N, C-alpha and C. Protein backbone atom coordinates (compact mmCIF):
# COMPACT_ATOMS: atom_id res chain seq x y z
N ALA A 1 111.46 118.65 75.16
CA ALA A 1 112.09 117.92 74.07
C ALA A 1 113.49 118.46 73.80
N VAL A 2 113.66 119.76 73.94
CA VAL A 2 114.96 120.36 73.66
C VAL A 2 116.01 119.83 74.63
N THR A 3 115.68 119.79 75.91
CA THR A 3 116.64 119.37 76.92
C THR A 3 116.80 117.86 76.96
N CYS A 4 115.71 117.14 77.04
CA CYS A 4 115.77 115.68 77.21
C CYS A 4 116.23 114.94 75.96
N TYR A 5 115.81 115.40 74.81
CA TYR A 5 116.07 114.65 73.58
C TYR A 5 116.95 115.40 72.59
N ARG A 6 117.67 116.41 73.08
CA ARG A 6 118.58 117.19 72.23
C ARG A 6 117.89 117.70 70.97
N SER A 7 116.69 118.23 71.14
CA SER A 7 115.87 118.82 70.08
C SER A 7 115.33 117.82 69.07
N ASP A 8 115.45 116.53 69.35
CA ASP A 8 114.91 115.51 68.45
C ASP A 8 113.48 115.19 68.89
N VAL A 9 112.52 115.97 68.38
CA VAL A 9 111.13 115.80 68.79
C VAL A 9 110.53 114.48 68.32
N SER A 10 111.18 113.80 67.40
CA SER A 10 110.67 112.50 66.96
C SER A 10 110.73 111.47 68.08
N ARG A 11 111.47 111.76 69.15
CA ARG A 11 111.57 110.83 70.28
C ARG A 11 110.45 111.04 71.29
N LEU A 12 109.65 112.08 71.14
CA LEU A 12 108.53 112.31 72.05
C LEU A 12 107.49 111.22 71.86
N LEU A 13 107.01 110.64 72.96
CA LEU A 13 106.07 109.53 72.85
C LEU A 13 104.73 109.81 73.52
N ASP A 14 104.61 110.87 74.28
CA ASP A 14 103.37 111.06 75.02
C ASP A 14 102.75 112.44 74.83
N VAL A 15 102.92 113.00 73.65
CA VAL A 15 102.25 114.26 73.35
C VAL A 15 100.75 114.04 73.40
N CYS A 16 100.34 112.88 72.95
CA CYS A 16 98.94 112.45 73.04
C CYS A 16 98.88 111.35 74.09
N ARG A 17 98.23 111.65 75.22
CA ARG A 17 98.18 110.68 76.32
C ARG A 17 96.74 110.56 76.80
N GLN A 18 96.34 109.33 77.00
CA GLN A 18 95.01 109.04 77.54
C GLN A 18 95.15 108.01 78.64
N ARG A 19 94.14 107.97 79.48
CA ARG A 19 94.13 107.00 80.57
C ARG A 19 92.79 106.27 80.54
N ILE A 20 92.85 104.96 80.72
CA ILE A 20 91.64 104.16 80.86
C ILE A 20 91.69 103.56 82.26
N VAL A 21 90.63 103.77 83.02
CA VAL A 21 90.56 103.32 84.40
C VAL A 21 89.69 102.06 84.46
N PHE A 22 90.20 101.02 85.12
CA PHE A 22 89.51 99.74 85.22
C PHE A 22 89.17 99.44 86.67
N SER A 23 88.08 98.73 86.88
CA SER A 23 87.62 98.42 88.23
C SER A 23 88.42 97.30 88.89
N ASN A 24 89.03 96.42 88.07
CA ASN A 24 89.80 95.32 88.64
C ASN A 24 90.82 94.81 87.64
N VAL A 25 91.67 93.91 88.09
CA VAL A 25 92.76 93.40 87.25
C VAL A 25 92.23 92.63 86.04
N THR A 26 91.17 91.87 86.24
CA THR A 26 90.60 91.11 85.12
C THR A 26 90.11 92.05 84.02
N ALA A 27 89.44 93.11 84.39
CA ALA A 27 88.96 94.09 83.41
C ALA A 27 90.14 94.76 82.70
N LEU A 28 91.19 95.08 83.45
CA LEU A 28 92.38 95.69 82.84
C LEU A 28 93.00 94.72 81.85
N ARG A 29 93.13 93.48 82.23
CA ARG A 29 93.71 92.46 81.35
C ARG A 29 92.87 92.31 80.07
N ASN A 30 91.55 92.28 80.22
CA ASN A 30 90.67 92.20 79.06
C ASN A 30 90.82 93.42 78.16
N GLY A 31 90.93 94.59 78.77
CA GLY A 31 91.14 95.81 77.98
C GLY A 31 92.45 95.78 77.22
N LEU A 32 93.50 95.33 77.88
CA LEU A 32 94.80 95.20 77.23
C LEU A 32 94.73 94.22 76.07
N ASP A 33 94.07 93.09 76.28
CA ASP A 33 93.92 92.11 75.21
C ASP A 33 93.17 92.68 74.02
N ARG A 34 92.12 93.45 74.28
CA ARG A 34 91.34 94.06 73.18
C ARG A 34 92.19 95.03 72.38
N ILE A 35 92.98 95.84 73.09
CA ILE A 35 93.85 96.80 72.40
C ILE A 35 94.90 96.07 71.59
N ALA A 36 95.54 95.07 72.21
CA ALA A 36 96.63 94.35 71.56
C ALA A 36 96.19 93.57 70.33
N THR A 37 94.93 93.16 70.28
CA THR A 37 94.45 92.38 69.14
C THR A 37 93.71 93.21 68.10
N ASP A 38 93.61 94.51 68.34
CA ASP A 38 92.96 95.39 67.37
C ASP A 38 93.86 95.49 66.12
N ARG A 39 93.30 95.23 64.96
CA ARG A 39 94.08 95.21 63.72
C ARG A 39 94.68 96.56 63.36
N THR A 40 94.13 97.65 63.86
CA THR A 40 94.65 98.97 63.52
C THR A 40 95.70 99.47 64.52
N VAL A 41 95.88 98.77 65.62
CA VAL A 41 96.82 99.20 66.66
C VAL A 41 98.17 98.54 66.44
N ARG A 42 99.22 99.36 66.49
CA ARG A 42 100.60 98.87 66.45
C ARG A 42 101.25 99.24 67.76
N LEU A 43 101.50 98.24 68.61
CA LEU A 43 102.17 98.49 69.89
C LEU A 43 103.64 98.76 69.63
N VAL A 44 104.11 99.89 70.12
CA VAL A 44 105.50 100.28 69.96
C VAL A 44 106.30 99.85 71.19
N HIS A 45 105.69 100.03 72.36
CA HIS A 45 106.36 99.69 73.62
C HIS A 45 105.31 99.45 74.69
N VAL A 46 105.56 98.49 75.56
CA VAL A 46 104.69 98.21 76.69
C VAL A 46 105.54 98.22 77.95
N ARG A 47 105.12 99.02 78.94
CA ARG A 47 105.79 99.01 80.25
C ARG A 47 104.75 98.53 81.26
N ASN A 48 104.96 97.34 81.78
CA ASN A 48 104.00 96.73 82.68
C ASN A 48 104.50 96.86 84.12
N ALA A 49 104.01 97.87 84.82
CA ALA A 49 104.37 98.07 86.22
C ALA A 49 103.44 97.29 87.14
N MET A 50 102.61 96.42 86.57
CA MET A 50 101.73 95.57 87.36
C MET A 50 102.38 94.22 87.65
N GLN A 51 103.42 93.88 86.91
CA GLN A 51 104.05 92.58 87.11
C GLN A 51 104.81 92.54 88.43
N ARG A 52 104.90 91.37 89.00
CA ARG A 52 105.53 91.21 90.32
C ARG A 52 106.99 91.67 90.33
N GLU A 53 107.69 91.48 89.23
CA GLU A 53 109.11 91.82 89.16
C GLU A 53 109.37 93.32 89.16
N TYR A 54 108.35 94.11 88.90
CA TYR A 54 108.52 95.57 88.82
C TYR A 54 108.84 96.13 90.19
N ASP A 55 109.84 96.97 90.27
CA ASP A 55 110.24 97.61 91.53
C ASP A 55 109.39 98.87 91.74
N ALA A 56 108.34 98.74 92.52
CA ALA A 56 107.41 99.85 92.74
C ALA A 56 108.00 100.95 93.60
N HIS A 57 109.18 100.73 94.17
CA HIS A 57 109.84 101.80 94.93
C HIS A 57 110.19 102.97 94.02
N GLU A 58 110.45 102.69 92.76
CA GLU A 58 110.79 103.73 91.80
C GLU A 58 109.64 104.71 91.56
N THR A 59 108.42 104.24 91.77
CA THR A 59 107.23 105.08 91.50
C THR A 59 106.39 105.28 92.76
N ALA A 60 107.01 105.15 93.92
CA ALA A 60 106.32 105.34 95.21
C ALA A 60 105.09 104.43 95.33
N GLY A 61 105.18 103.24 94.77
CA GLY A 61 104.10 102.27 94.87
C GLY A 61 103.08 102.33 93.74
N TYR A 62 103.15 103.36 92.90
CA TYR A 62 102.19 103.49 91.81
C TYR A 62 102.43 102.40 90.77
N ARG A 63 101.35 101.80 90.31
CA ARG A 63 101.44 100.74 89.30
C ARG A 63 100.40 100.96 88.21
N ASP A 64 100.81 100.72 86.98
CA ASP A 64 99.91 100.78 85.84
C ASP A 64 100.55 100.04 84.68
N VAL A 65 99.88 100.04 83.56
CA VAL A 65 100.45 99.52 82.31
C VAL A 65 100.44 100.67 81.33
N LYS A 66 101.61 101.00 80.80
CA LYS A 66 101.70 102.09 79.82
C LYS A 66 101.97 101.49 78.45
N LEU A 67 101.14 101.89 77.50
CA LEU A 67 101.28 101.44 76.12
C LEU A 67 101.67 102.63 75.25
N ASN A 68 102.71 102.48 74.47
CA ASN A 68 103.00 103.43 73.40
C ASN A 68 102.54 102.74 72.13
N LEU A 69 101.66 103.41 71.40
CA LEU A 69 101.06 102.76 70.24
C LEU A 69 100.80 103.74 69.11
N ARG A 70 100.63 103.18 67.95
CA ARG A 70 100.22 103.93 66.75
C ARG A 70 98.92 103.33 66.25
N ILE A 71 98.09 104.18 65.67
CA ILE A 71 96.86 103.71 65.02
C ILE A 71 97.12 103.80 63.52
N GLU A 72 97.06 102.68 62.85
CA GLU A 72 97.30 102.63 61.41
C GLU A 72 96.02 102.19 60.72
N SER A 73 95.34 103.17 60.14
CA SER A 73 94.09 102.91 59.44
C SER A 73 94.05 103.80 58.19
N ARG A 74 93.04 103.59 57.38
CA ARG A 74 92.88 104.43 56.20
C ARG A 74 92.74 105.90 56.61
N LEU A 75 91.98 106.15 57.68
CA LEU A 75 91.78 107.52 58.14
C LEU A 75 93.08 108.14 58.65
N THR A 76 93.82 107.42 59.50
CA THR A 76 95.06 108.02 60.03
C THR A 76 96.09 108.22 58.93
N ARG A 77 96.12 107.32 57.95
CA ARG A 77 97.03 107.51 56.81
C ARG A 77 96.63 108.74 56.01
N SER A 78 95.33 108.92 55.79
CA SER A 78 94.88 110.08 55.00
C SER A 78 95.16 111.39 55.72
N LEU A 79 95.16 111.36 57.04
CA LEU A 79 95.46 112.56 57.83
C LEU A 79 96.96 112.75 58.07
N GLY A 80 97.75 111.75 57.72
CA GLY A 80 99.18 111.82 57.91
C GLY A 80 99.63 111.64 59.35
N VAL A 81 98.80 111.00 60.15
CA VAL A 81 99.15 110.82 61.57
C VAL A 81 99.36 109.34 61.93
N ASP A 82 99.46 108.48 60.94
CA ASP A 82 99.61 107.05 61.21
C ASP A 82 100.96 106.72 61.85
N GLY A 83 101.91 107.61 61.80
CA GLY A 83 103.21 107.40 62.44
C GLY A 83 103.29 108.02 63.83
N HIS A 84 102.26 108.73 64.24
CA HIS A 84 102.25 109.40 65.54
C HIS A 84 102.11 108.36 66.66
N VAL A 85 102.97 108.45 67.66
CA VAL A 85 102.93 107.52 68.79
C VAL A 85 102.18 108.18 69.94
N CYS A 86 101.21 107.47 70.48
CA CYS A 86 100.41 107.94 71.60
C CYS A 86 100.70 107.07 72.82
N GLU A 87 100.47 107.63 74.00
CA GLU A 87 100.58 106.83 75.21
C GLU A 87 99.20 106.59 75.77
N VAL A 88 98.92 105.34 76.12
CA VAL A 88 97.67 104.98 76.78
C VAL A 88 98.05 104.33 78.10
N GLN A 89 97.53 104.88 79.18
CA GLN A 89 97.79 104.35 80.51
C GLN A 89 96.59 103.51 80.94
N LEU A 90 96.85 102.28 81.32
CA LEU A 90 95.81 101.40 81.85
C LEU A 90 96.03 101.34 83.35
N VAL A 91 95.05 101.79 84.12
CA VAL A 91 95.24 101.92 85.56
C VAL A 91 94.02 101.39 86.30
N LEU A 92 94.27 100.83 87.47
CA LEU A 92 93.17 100.37 88.32
C LEU A 92 92.54 101.55 89.04
N GLN A 93 91.25 101.44 89.27
CA GLN A 93 90.47 102.51 89.89
C GLN A 93 91.07 102.97 91.22
N ASP A 94 91.50 102.04 92.06
CA ASP A 94 92.08 102.42 93.35
C ASP A 94 93.35 103.26 93.17
N MET A 95 94.20 102.88 92.23
CA MET A 95 95.41 103.66 91.94
C MET A 95 95.05 105.04 91.42
N PHE A 96 94.04 105.08 90.56
CA PHE A 96 93.61 106.36 89.99
C PHE A 96 93.14 107.29 91.09
N HIS A 97 92.36 106.79 92.03
CA HIS A 97 91.87 107.64 93.13
C HIS A 97 93.00 108.14 94.01
N ILE A 98 93.95 107.29 94.30
CA ILE A 98 95.12 107.70 95.09
C ILE A 98 95.89 108.79 94.36
N GLN A 99 96.09 108.59 93.07
CA GLN A 99 96.86 109.56 92.28
C GLN A 99 96.14 110.90 92.20
N THR A 100 94.83 110.91 91.98
CA THR A 100 94.11 112.17 91.84
C THR A 100 93.95 112.87 93.20
N GLU A 101 93.86 112.12 94.28
CA GLU A 101 93.79 112.74 95.60
C GLU A 101 95.12 113.39 95.97
N ALA A 102 96.22 112.82 95.52
CA ALA A 102 97.54 113.35 95.83
C ALA A 102 97.87 114.58 95.00
N SER A 103 97.17 114.76 93.90
CA SER A 103 97.46 115.89 92.99
C SER A 103 96.89 117.19 93.50
């Protein structure tokens, strides 16, 4: 944060990161729809590397959907974390296996 964001830690978006692995594109799409329509979820940013227009050369062919989101509920407000932005990666099982084998 110090180097990339000039000490402005409020710009950090993936301190909390999770990944959901899907067996196929239809399941991923359904998962994305469920997240996007959840009343407590506020999507801050969506990067869809699954779309045809995405240049996969930038990521060596890796494709996923990254969501930056906030959870706004009575509980998150009471804990003071309703403004915290989390990253959720939606990835296909085949991509996940390639990524974990390469690690």
